[in-house]
Each structure stands twice: as structure tokens, then as C-alpha cells.
Amino acid sequence: MIRRIVVAIDESEESMNALSWCLDSLVFQDKPGNNVLVLLYVKPPPPIYSFFDAAEYLFSGDAVAAMEKYGTELVHSAMDRAEAVYRSFSTRIEVERLVGRGDPKDVICHTVKKLKADTLVMGSHGYGFMKRALLGSVSEHCAKKVKCPVVIVKHQDDQH
């Protein structure tokens, strides 16, 4: 039986901690061929500008291309950091890299459903009540919406 484990990653230390926790706790080291680790990075949706935008002239083709290039560099940086984490793991594991685009909570839930994932692993940023109330919690949303088990790895400061 092959288990498909989706790990949501971004530039944060919390997501790398979640990946490390996943490798230490969920991946069966005695049966490395039984696990597929899916690293999922979600890029924000592209900005949409209308003819009526006051700052439209600022978003010329060059500026939009530069923002897209920066977003691609962030993806590569996060994936490279994740690769360093799983390469240090003692067992070989099959890894798939996916990049989605849109609202992270929607993209993560859709991808987990589409892949028929067995487990979703996410880091928690450890936001307080007010920040979580204002920004919303991606991990909380996903825990409510997806059908598979969801593991939310707490922020380092929250573990004590």
C-alpha cells in the first residue's frame, strides 16, 4: 500500500519544521517505497489591474515580469530548502514537487482531494487570536475541509 503524504511548504521555518516532523514521524523508514511525499507550494494569484487603476502605469509589462520572476525564485528557494531537509533523512523516499497558484487554503484543499492524499501535514505560524481572526488560518481551514487526516505541526514557541 502506497501512502501519499502532502506537505504544504512556503518560505517559513514552520513549514520546514513540519517537513522534518513528517519525515521523522510519518514516513515508514523500514518500507521507503511505500511513501510518496508531495511538496506543495502555493504562489499567490497574479494581480489583476483594470483600465481604471490609478497606479496602472506602475504595472507595466516589465514590473509584472519582475514580480513573476521574484515569485519563481521564492518557489525555487523553498523547494531547495525542503530538498535539503529530506536529503538529510536517512531513508530514500519518492518526492513529487507541485506548485499551485491561488488562495493557499483553496489550492491546498483542492490538491489534497485531487491527489487522494492519505495525510496532509502543515506548519502552524503560531499567530495569536487577533492576527488569526483578521488573517484567518490556512491550517484551520484545511483541517475542517479536507477528508484525510491533517497534522498541524505547532510553531516552536507553542510547543512548551
N, C-alpha and C. Protein backbone atom coordinates (compact mmCIF):
# COMPACT_ATOMS: atom_id res chain seq x y z
N MET A 1 0.84 -1.19 0.00
CA MET A 1 0.00 0.00 0.00
C MET A 1 0.88 1.25 0.00
N ILE A 2 0.66 2.12 -0.96
CA ILE A 2 1.44 3.35 -1.05
C ILE A 2 0.66 4.48 -0.37
N ARG A 3 1.36 5.18 0.53
CA ARG A 3 0.76 6.34 1.21
C ARG A 3 1.25 7.61 0.54
N ARG A 4 0.31 8.50 0.25
CA ARG A 4 0.63 9.79 -0.34
C ARG A 4 0.48 10.84 0.74
N ILE A 5 1.59 11.47 1.10
CA ILE A 5 1.61 12.48 2.16
C ILE A 5 1.90 13.83 1.53
N VAL A 6 0.97 14.76 1.66
CA VAL A 6 1.15 16.12 1.13
C VAL A 6 1.67 16.99 2.26
N VAL A 7 2.78 17.70 2.00
CA VAL A 7 3.32 18.65 2.96
C VAL A 7 3.28 20.03 2.31
N ALA A 8 2.52 20.93 2.91
CA ALA A 8 2.43 22.30 2.41
C ALA A 8 3.67 23.05 2.86
N ILE A 9 4.40 23.62 1.89
CA ILE A 9 5.61 24.35 2.25
C ILE A 9 5.53 25.78 1.74
N ASP A 10 6.29 26.63 2.40
CA ASP A 10 6.47 28.01 1.95
C ASP A 10 7.86 28.43 2.40
N GLU A 11 8.12 29.71 2.50
CA GLU A 11 9.45 30.18 2.87
C GLU A 11 9.73 30.10 4.36
N SER A 12 8.74 29.74 5.15
CA SER A 12 8.86 29.83 6.61
C SER A 12 9.60 28.66 7.23
N GLU A 13 10.17 28.92 8.39
CA GLU A 13 10.79 27.86 9.19
C GLU A 13 9.75 26.86 9.65
N GLU A 14 8.53 27.34 9.90
CA GLU A 14 7.45 26.47 10.37
C GLU A 14 7.16 25.36 9.36
N SER A 15 7.17 25.70 8.08
CA SER A 15 6.89 24.65 7.09
C SER A 15 8.04 23.65 7.01
N MET A 16 9.28 24.12 7.19
CA MET A 16 10.42 23.20 7.18
C MET A 16 10.41 22.31 8.43
N ASN A 17 9.97 22.88 9.56
CA ASN A 17 9.81 22.07 10.78
C ASN A 17 8.74 21.00 10.58
N ALA A 18 7.66 21.37 9.89
CA ALA A 18 6.59 20.40 9.61
C ALA A 18 7.11 19.27 8.72
N LEU A 19 7.92 19.62 7.72
CA LEU A 19 8.51 18.61 6.85
C LEU A 19 9.42 17.68 7.64
N SER A 20 10.26 18.24 8.48
CA SER A 20 11.15 17.42 9.32
C SER A 20 10.34 16.49 10.22
N TRP A 21 9.30 17.04 10.84
CA TRP A 21 8.46 16.23 11.71
C TRP A 21 7.82 15.09 10.92
N CYS A 22 7.35 15.39 9.73
CA CYS A 22 6.73 14.38 8.88
C CYS A 22 7.71 13.25 8.57
N LEU A 23 8.92 13.61 8.21
CA LEU A 23 9.93 12.61 7.88
C LEU A 23 10.27 11.75 9.10
N ASP A 24 10.35 12.38 10.25
CA ASP A 24 10.69 11.65 11.48
C ASP A 24 9.54 10.80 12.00
N SER A 25 8.31 11.26 11.80
CA SER A 25 7.17 10.64 12.48
C SER A 25 6.22 9.84 11.59
N LEU A 26 6.09 10.22 10.32
CA LEU A 26 5.08 9.58 9.48
C LEU A 26 5.64 8.64 8.42
N VAL A 27 6.85 8.89 7.99
CA VAL A 27 7.41 8.08 6.91
C VAL A 27 7.95 6.79 7.50
N PHE A 28 7.51 5.69 6.94
CA PHE A 28 7.96 4.39 7.42
C PHE A 28 9.36 4.12 6.90
N GLN A 29 10.33 4.19 7.80
CA GLN A 29 11.72 4.04 7.39
C GLN A 29 12.04 2.62 6.94
N ASP A 30 11.31 1.65 7.45
CA ASP A 30 11.59 0.27 7.08
C ASP A 30 10.98 -0.10 5.73
N LYS A 31 10.07 0.74 5.22
CA LYS A 31 9.42 0.49 3.93
C LYS A 31 9.42 1.78 3.11
N PRO A 32 10.61 2.24 2.65
CA PRO A 32 10.68 3.53 1.98
C PRO A 32 9.88 3.61 0.68
N GLY A 33 9.68 2.49 -0.01
CA GLY A 33 8.94 2.52 -1.27
C GLY A 33 7.45 2.68 -1.08
N ASN A 34 6.98 2.67 0.15
CA ASN A 34 5.55 2.76 0.44
C ASN A 34 5.06 4.18 0.64
N ASN A 35 5.96 5.14 0.56
CA ASN A 35 5.57 6.53 0.81
C ASN A 35 5.91 7.41 -0.38
N VAL A 36 4.97 8.29 -0.71
CA VAL A 36 5.24 9.33 -1.70
C VAL A 36 5.02 10.65 -0.98
N LEU A 37 6.05 11.45 -0.93
CA LEU A 37 5.99 12.75 -0.28
C LEU A 37 5.74 13.80 -1.35
N VAL A 38 4.65 14.54 -1.21
CA VAL A 38 4.30 15.58 -2.17
C VAL A 38 4.54 16.93 -1.50
N LEU A 39 5.50 17.67 -2.03
CA LEU A 39 5.77 19.02 -1.53
C LEU A 39 4.92 19.99 -2.33
N LEU A 40 4.05 20.72 -1.65
CA LEU A 40 3.13 21.64 -2.32
C LEU A 40 3.44 23.07 -1.91
N TYR A 41 3.76 23.89 -2.89
CA TYR A 41 4.00 25.31 -2.69
C TYR A 41 2.89 26.06 -3.42
N VAL A 42 2.30 27.04 -2.78
CA VAL A 42 1.22 27.80 -3.41
C VAL A 42 1.68 29.25 -3.61
N LYS A 43 1.70 29.65 -4.89
CA LYS A 43 2.01 31.04 -5.23
C LYS A 43 0.72 31.85 -5.16
N PRO A 44 0.83 33.10 -4.76
CA PRO A 44 -0.38 33.93 -4.74
C PRO A 44 -0.90 34.15 -6.16
N PRO A 45 -2.19 34.43 -6.28
CA PRO A 45 -2.73 34.65 -7.62
C PRO A 45 -2.09 35.89 -8.25
N PRO A 46 -2.02 35.94 -9.57
CA PRO A 46 -1.45 37.12 -10.20
C PRO A 46 -2.35 38.32 -9.98
N PRO A 47 -1.75 39.48 -9.83
CA PRO A 47 -2.57 40.68 -9.64
C PRO A 47 -3.35 41.00 -10.91
N ILE A 48 -4.55 41.53 -10.72
CA ILE A 48 -5.39 41.91 -11.85
C ILE A 48 -5.58 43.41 -11.79
N TYR A 49 -5.28 44.05 -12.89
CA TYR A 49 -5.38 45.50 -12.95
C TYR A 49 -6.37 45.90 -14.02
N SER A 50 -7.16 46.86 -13.68
CA SER A 50 -8.15 47.32 -14.65
C SER A 50 -7.67 48.62 -15.29
N PHE A 51 -8.39 49.01 -16.31
CA PHE A 51 -8.12 50.25 -17.01
C PHE A 51 -8.24 51.44 -16.06
N PHE A 52 -9.03 51.31 -15.01
CA PHE A 52 -9.31 52.41 -14.11
C PHE A 52 -8.36 52.51 -12.92
N ASP A 53 -7.40 51.59 -12.80
CA ASP A 53 -6.46 51.65 -11.68
C ASP A 53 -5.63 52.91 -11.74
N ALA A 54 -5.56 53.61 -10.62
CA ALA A 54 -4.80 54.86 -10.57
C ALA A 54 -3.31 54.61 -10.78
N ALA A 55 -2.83 53.48 -10.30
CA ALA A 55 -1.40 53.19 -10.39
C ALA A 55 -1.08 52.25 -11.55
N GLU A 56 -1.95 52.17 -12.52
CA GLU A 56 -1.79 51.22 -13.61
C GLU A 56 -0.45 51.38 -14.31
N TYR A 57 -0.02 52.60 -14.47
CA TYR A 57 1.23 52.82 -15.18
C TYR A 57 2.42 52.18 -14.47
N LEU A 58 2.29 51.95 -13.15
CA LEU A 58 3.37 51.31 -12.41
C LEU A 58 3.53 49.84 -12.76
N PHE A 59 2.45 49.25 -13.25
CA PHE A 59 2.47 47.82 -13.51
C PHE A 59 2.62 47.53 -15.00
N SER A 60 3.67 48.05 -15.55
CA SER A 60 3.98 47.78 -16.94
C SER A 60 4.39 46.33 -17.07
N GLY A 61 4.58 45.89 -18.29
CA GLY A 61 4.99 44.51 -18.54
C GLY A 61 6.28 44.17 -17.81
N ASP A 62 7.22 45.12 -17.72
CA ASP A 62 8.49 44.87 -17.05
C ASP A 62 8.29 44.63 -15.55
N ALA A 63 7.44 45.43 -14.93
CA ALA A 63 7.21 45.28 -13.50
C ALA A 63 6.51 43.96 -13.20
N VAL A 64 5.53 43.60 -14.01
CA VAL A 64 4.82 42.34 -13.81
C VAL A 64 5.77 41.17 -14.02
N ALA A 65 6.62 41.24 -15.03
CA ALA A 65 7.60 40.18 -15.29
C ALA A 65 8.58 40.05 -14.12
N ALA A 66 9.00 41.19 -13.57
CA ALA A 66 9.91 41.17 -12.42
C ALA A 66 9.24 40.53 -11.21
N MET A 67 7.96 40.83 -10.98
CA MET A 67 7.24 40.23 -9.85
C MET A 67 7.08 38.72 -10.07
N GLU A 68 6.81 38.31 -11.29
CA GLU A 68 6.68 36.88 -11.59
C GLU A 68 8.02 36.17 -11.40
N LYS A 69 9.10 36.82 -11.81
CA LYS A 69 10.43 36.23 -11.64
C LYS A 69 10.74 36.07 -10.15
N TYR A 70 10.41 37.07 -9.36
CA TYR A 70 10.63 37.01 -7.92
C TYR A 70 9.83 35.86 -7.31
N GLY A 71 8.57 35.69 -7.73
CA GLY A 71 7.74 34.60 -7.24
C GLY A 71 8.33 33.24 -7.58
N THR A 72 8.88 33.12 -8.77
CA THR A 72 9.52 31.87 -9.18
C THR A 72 10.76 31.60 -8.36
N GLU A 73 11.51 32.65 -8.06
CA GLU A 73 12.70 32.49 -7.21
C GLU A 73 12.32 32.02 -5.80
N LEU A 74 11.20 32.53 -5.28
CA LEU A 74 10.73 32.08 -3.96
C LEU A 74 10.38 30.59 -3.99
N VAL A 75 9.73 30.16 -5.06
CA VAL A 75 9.38 28.74 -5.19
C VAL A 75 10.65 27.90 -5.17
N HIS A 76 11.63 28.28 -6.00
CA HIS A 76 12.89 27.52 -6.07
C HIS A 76 13.60 27.52 -4.72
N SER A 77 13.61 28.64 -4.05
CA SER A 77 14.26 28.73 -2.75
C SER A 77 13.61 27.80 -1.73
N ALA A 78 12.27 27.83 -1.66
CA ALA A 78 11.56 26.97 -0.71
C ALA A 78 11.76 25.49 -1.06
N MET A 79 11.70 25.16 -2.34
CA MET A 79 11.89 23.76 -2.75
C MET A 79 13.32 23.29 -2.47
N ASP A 80 14.29 24.17 -2.68
CA ASP A 80 15.69 23.81 -2.38
C ASP A 80 15.89 23.57 -0.89
N ARG A 81 15.27 24.42 -0.06
CA ARG A 81 15.36 24.23 1.40
C ARG A 81 14.70 22.91 1.80
N ALA A 82 13.55 22.62 1.20
CA ALA A 82 12.85 21.37 1.50
C ALA A 82 13.70 20.18 1.05
N GLU A 83 14.34 20.29 -0.09
CA GLU A 83 15.19 19.20 -0.57
C GLU A 83 16.33 18.94 0.40
N ALA A 84 16.92 19.99 0.94
CA ALA A 84 17.99 19.82 1.92
C ALA A 84 17.48 19.07 3.15
N VAL A 85 16.24 19.33 3.54
CA VAL A 85 15.66 18.65 4.70
C VAL A 85 15.47 17.17 4.40
N TYR A 86 14.84 16.84 3.27
CA TYR A 86 14.58 15.42 3.03
C TYR A 86 15.81 14.67 2.57
N ARG A 87 16.81 15.34 2.03
CA ARG A 87 18.06 14.66 1.67
C ARG A 87 18.83 14.24 2.93
N SER A 88 18.64 14.97 4.02
CA SER A 88 19.32 14.61 5.26
C SER A 88 18.63 13.43 5.97
N PHE A 89 17.45 13.09 5.51
CA PHE A 89 16.71 11.95 6.06
C PHE A 89 17.41 10.67 5.63
N SER A 90 17.49 9.70 6.52
CA SER A 90 18.31 8.52 6.27
C SER A 90 17.74 7.55 5.24
N THR A 91 16.47 7.63 4.95
CA THR A 91 15.83 6.70 4.03
C THR A 91 15.48 7.41 2.73
N ARG A 92 15.69 6.73 1.62
CA ARG A 92 15.27 7.27 0.33
C ARG A 92 13.75 7.30 0.29
N ILE A 93 13.22 8.35 -0.27
CA ILE A 93 11.77 8.50 -0.37
C ILE A 93 11.44 9.14 -1.70
N GLU A 94 10.35 8.72 -2.29
CA GLU A 94 9.92 9.32 -3.55
C GLU A 94 9.30 10.68 -3.24
N VAL A 95 9.76 11.70 -3.95
CA VAL A 95 9.29 13.06 -3.71
C VAL A 95 8.74 13.65 -5.00
N GLU A 96 7.57 14.23 -4.90
CA GLU A 96 6.98 14.97 -6.01
C GLU A 96 6.89 16.43 -5.59
N ARG A 97 7.16 17.30 -6.53
CA ARG A 97 7.06 18.74 -6.26
C ARG A 97 5.89 19.31 -7.06
N LEU A 98 5.01 20.02 -6.37
CA LEU A 98 3.88 20.66 -7.04
C LEU A 98 3.85 22.14 -6.67
N VAL A 99 3.51 22.95 -7.65
CA VAL A 99 3.34 24.38 -7.41
C VAL A 99 1.94 24.74 -7.86
N GLY A 100 1.16 25.29 -6.94
CA GLY A 100 -0.18 25.74 -7.27
C GLY A 100 -0.21 27.26 -7.26
N ARG A 101 -1.29 27.80 -7.75
CA ARG A 101 -1.43 29.26 -7.76
C ARG A 101 -2.84 29.62 -7.34
N GLY A 102 -2.95 30.54 -6.37
CA GLY A 102 -4.25 30.99 -5.90
C GLY A 102 -4.24 31.18 -4.40
N ASP A 103 -5.42 31.16 -3.83
CA ASP A 103 -5.57 31.29 -2.38
C ASP A 103 -5.06 29.99 -1.76
N PRO A 104 -4.05 30.05 -0.87
CA PRO A 104 -3.44 28.82 -0.34
C PRO A 104 -4.44 27.83 0.23
N LYS A 105 -5.40 28.29 0.99
CA LYS A 105 -6.34 27.34 1.62
C LYS A 105 -7.14 26.59 0.57
N ASP A 106 -7.54 27.27 -0.50
CA ASP A 106 -8.32 26.61 -1.55
C ASP A 106 -7.45 25.67 -2.38
N VAL A 107 -6.26 26.11 -2.72
CA VAL A 107 -5.36 25.29 -3.54
C VAL A 107 -4.94 24.03 -2.78
N ILE A 108 -4.62 24.18 -1.50
CA ILE A 108 -4.20 23.01 -0.70
C ILE A 108 -5.34 22.01 -0.62
N CYS A 109 -6.54 22.47 -0.28
CA CYS A 109 -7.69 21.55 -0.17
C CYS A 109 -7.98 20.87 -1.50
N HIS A 110 -7.95 21.62 -2.59
CA HIS A 110 -8.21 21.05 -3.92
C HIS A 110 -7.15 20.01 -4.29
N THR A 111 -5.89 20.30 -4.01
CA THR A 111 -4.80 19.39 -4.36
C THR A 111 -4.89 18.11 -3.56
N VAL A 112 -5.18 18.22 -2.27
CA VAL A 112 -5.31 17.03 -1.42
C VAL A 112 -6.43 16.14 -1.95
N LYS A 113 -7.54 16.74 -2.33
CA LYS A 113 -8.66 15.98 -2.86
C LYS A 113 -8.29 15.34 -4.20
N LYS A 114 -7.69 16.12 -5.08
CA LYS A 114 -7.32 15.64 -6.42
C LYS A 114 -6.33 14.47 -6.34
N LEU A 115 -5.37 14.55 -5.44
CA LEU A 115 -4.35 13.52 -5.31
C LEU A 115 -4.82 12.32 -4.48
N LYS A 116 -5.98 12.48 -3.83
CA LYS A 116 -6.47 11.45 -2.90
C LYS A 116 -5.41 11.15 -1.85
N ALA A 117 -4.90 12.23 -1.26
CA ALA A 117 -3.82 12.12 -0.27
C ALA A 117 -4.31 11.37 0.97
N ASP A 118 -3.37 10.67 1.58
CA ASP A 118 -3.68 9.95 2.81
C ASP A 118 -3.52 10.83 4.04
N THR A 119 -2.63 11.82 3.94
CA THR A 119 -2.36 12.72 5.07
C THR A 119 -1.92 14.07 4.53
N LEU A 120 -2.31 15.13 5.22
CA LEU A 120 -1.84 16.48 4.94
C LEU A 120 -1.07 16.96 6.16
N VAL A 121 0.14 17.45 5.93
CA VAL A 121 0.98 17.97 7.02
C VAL A 121 1.23 19.45 6.75
N MET A 122 1.02 20.27 7.77
CA MET A 122 1.19 21.71 7.64
C MET A 122 1.86 22.26 8.90
N GLY A 123 2.58 23.33 8.73
CA GLY A 123 3.13 24.03 9.87
C GLY A 123 2.15 25.07 10.37
N SER A 124 2.28 25.41 11.63
CA SER A 124 1.46 26.47 12.21
C SER A 124 2.38 27.65 12.49
N HIS A 125 1.94 28.83 12.10
CA HIS A 125 2.77 30.02 12.32
C HIS A 125 2.67 30.54 13.74
N GLY A 126 1.76 30.00 14.52
CA GLY A 126 1.66 30.40 15.92
C GLY A 126 1.08 31.79 16.11
N TYR A 127 0.20 32.20 15.18
CA TYR A 127 -0.43 33.51 15.32
C TYR A 127 -1.30 33.54 16.56
N GLY A 128 -1.38 34.69 17.16
CA GLY A 128 -2.28 34.88 18.29
C GLY A 128 -3.72 35.01 17.82
N PHE A 129 -4.61 35.15 18.77
CA PHE A 129 -6.05 35.20 18.47
C PHE A 129 -6.39 36.31 17.48
N MET A 130 -5.90 37.53 17.72
CA MET A 130 -6.28 38.67 16.87
C MET A 130 -5.77 38.50 15.45
N LYS A 131 -4.52 38.14 15.31
CA LYS A 131 -3.95 38.00 13.96
C LYS A 131 -4.66 36.87 13.21
N ARG A 132 -4.94 35.78 13.92
CA ARG A 132 -5.64 34.65 13.30
C ARG A 132 -7.06 35.06 12.91
N ALA A 133 -7.71 35.87 13.76
CA ALA A 133 -9.07 36.32 13.46
C ALA A 133 -9.08 37.24 12.24
N LEU A 134 -8.07 38.08 12.11
CA LEU A 134 -8.01 39.01 10.98
C LEU A 134 -7.56 38.34 9.69
N LEU A 135 -6.53 37.52 9.77
CA LEU A 135 -5.96 36.90 8.57
C LEU A 135 -6.60 35.56 8.23
N GLY A 136 -7.17 34.93 9.21
CA GLY A 136 -7.67 33.57 9.01
C GLY A 136 -6.52 32.59 9.14
N SER A 137 -6.84 31.36 9.33
CA SER A 137 -5.82 30.34 9.49
C SER A 137 -5.97 29.33 8.36
N VAL A 138 -4.95 29.23 7.54
CA VAL A 138 -4.97 28.28 6.43
C VAL A 138 -5.06 26.86 6.98
N SER A 139 -4.25 26.56 8.00
CA SER A 139 -4.25 25.20 8.54
C SER A 139 -5.61 24.85 9.15
N GLU A 140 -6.21 25.80 9.84
CA GLU A 140 -7.53 25.56 10.44
C GLU A 140 -8.58 25.29 9.37
N HIS A 141 -8.55 26.09 8.31
CA HIS A 141 -9.49 25.91 7.20
C HIS A 141 -9.33 24.53 6.57
N CYS A 142 -8.08 24.16 6.29
CA CYS A 142 -7.82 22.87 5.66
C CYS A 142 -8.23 21.71 6.56
N ALA A 143 -7.98 21.85 7.85
CA ALA A 143 -8.36 20.79 8.79
C ALA A 143 -9.86 20.55 8.77
N LYS A 144 -10.63 21.60 8.55
CA LYS A 144 -12.09 21.46 8.51
C LYS A 144 -12.59 20.92 7.17
N LYS A 145 -11.88 21.22 6.08
CA LYS A 145 -12.40 20.93 4.74
C LYS A 145 -11.94 19.63 4.12
N VAL A 146 -10.70 19.21 4.37
CA VAL A 146 -10.22 18.01 3.68
C VAL A 146 -10.73 16.75 4.39
N LYS A 147 -10.78 15.67 3.64
CA LYS A 147 -11.33 14.41 4.16
C LYS A 147 -10.28 13.52 4.82
N CYS A 148 -9.00 13.74 4.52
CA CYS A 148 -7.95 12.90 5.10
C CYS A 148 -7.49 13.49 6.43
N PRO A 149 -6.74 12.73 7.22
CA PRO A 149 -6.18 13.28 8.46
C PRO A 149 -5.25 14.46 8.16
N VAL A 150 -5.30 15.46 9.02
CA VAL A 150 -4.47 16.65 8.90
C VAL A 150 -3.61 16.76 10.15
N VAL A 151 -2.30 16.90 9.95
CA VAL A 151 -1.38 17.09 11.06
C VAL A 151 -0.88 18.52 10.98
N ILE A 152 -1.13 19.28 12.05
CA ILE A 152 -0.65 20.65 12.12
C ILE A 152 0.49 20.66 13.13
N VAL A 153 1.68 20.90 12.62
CA VAL A 153 2.87 20.90 13.47
C VAL A 153 2.99 22.29 14.07
N LYS A 154 2.96 22.32 15.39
CA LYS A 154 2.96 23.60 16.09
C LYS A 154 4.24 24.39 15.90
N HIS A 155 4.09 25.69 15.97
CA HIS A 155 5.20 26.63 15.97
C HIS A 155 6.10 26.30 17.15
N GLN A 156 7.40 26.42 17.00
CA GLN A 156 8.35 26.04 18.06
C GLN A 156 7.99 26.65 19.41
N ASP A 157 7.61 27.91 19.44
CA ASP A 157 7.29 28.59 20.70
C ASP A 157 6.03 28.02 21.35
N ASP A 158 5.11 27.42 20.55
CA ASP A 158 3.86 26.90 21.07
C ASP A 158 4.01 25.51 21.69
N GLN A 159 5.14 24.89 21.55
CA GLN A 159 5.30 23.50 21.99
C GLN A 159 5.62 23.39 23.48
N HIS A 160 5.79 24.46 24.16
CA HIS A 160 6.13 24.39 25.59
C HIS A 160 4.93 24.70 26.44
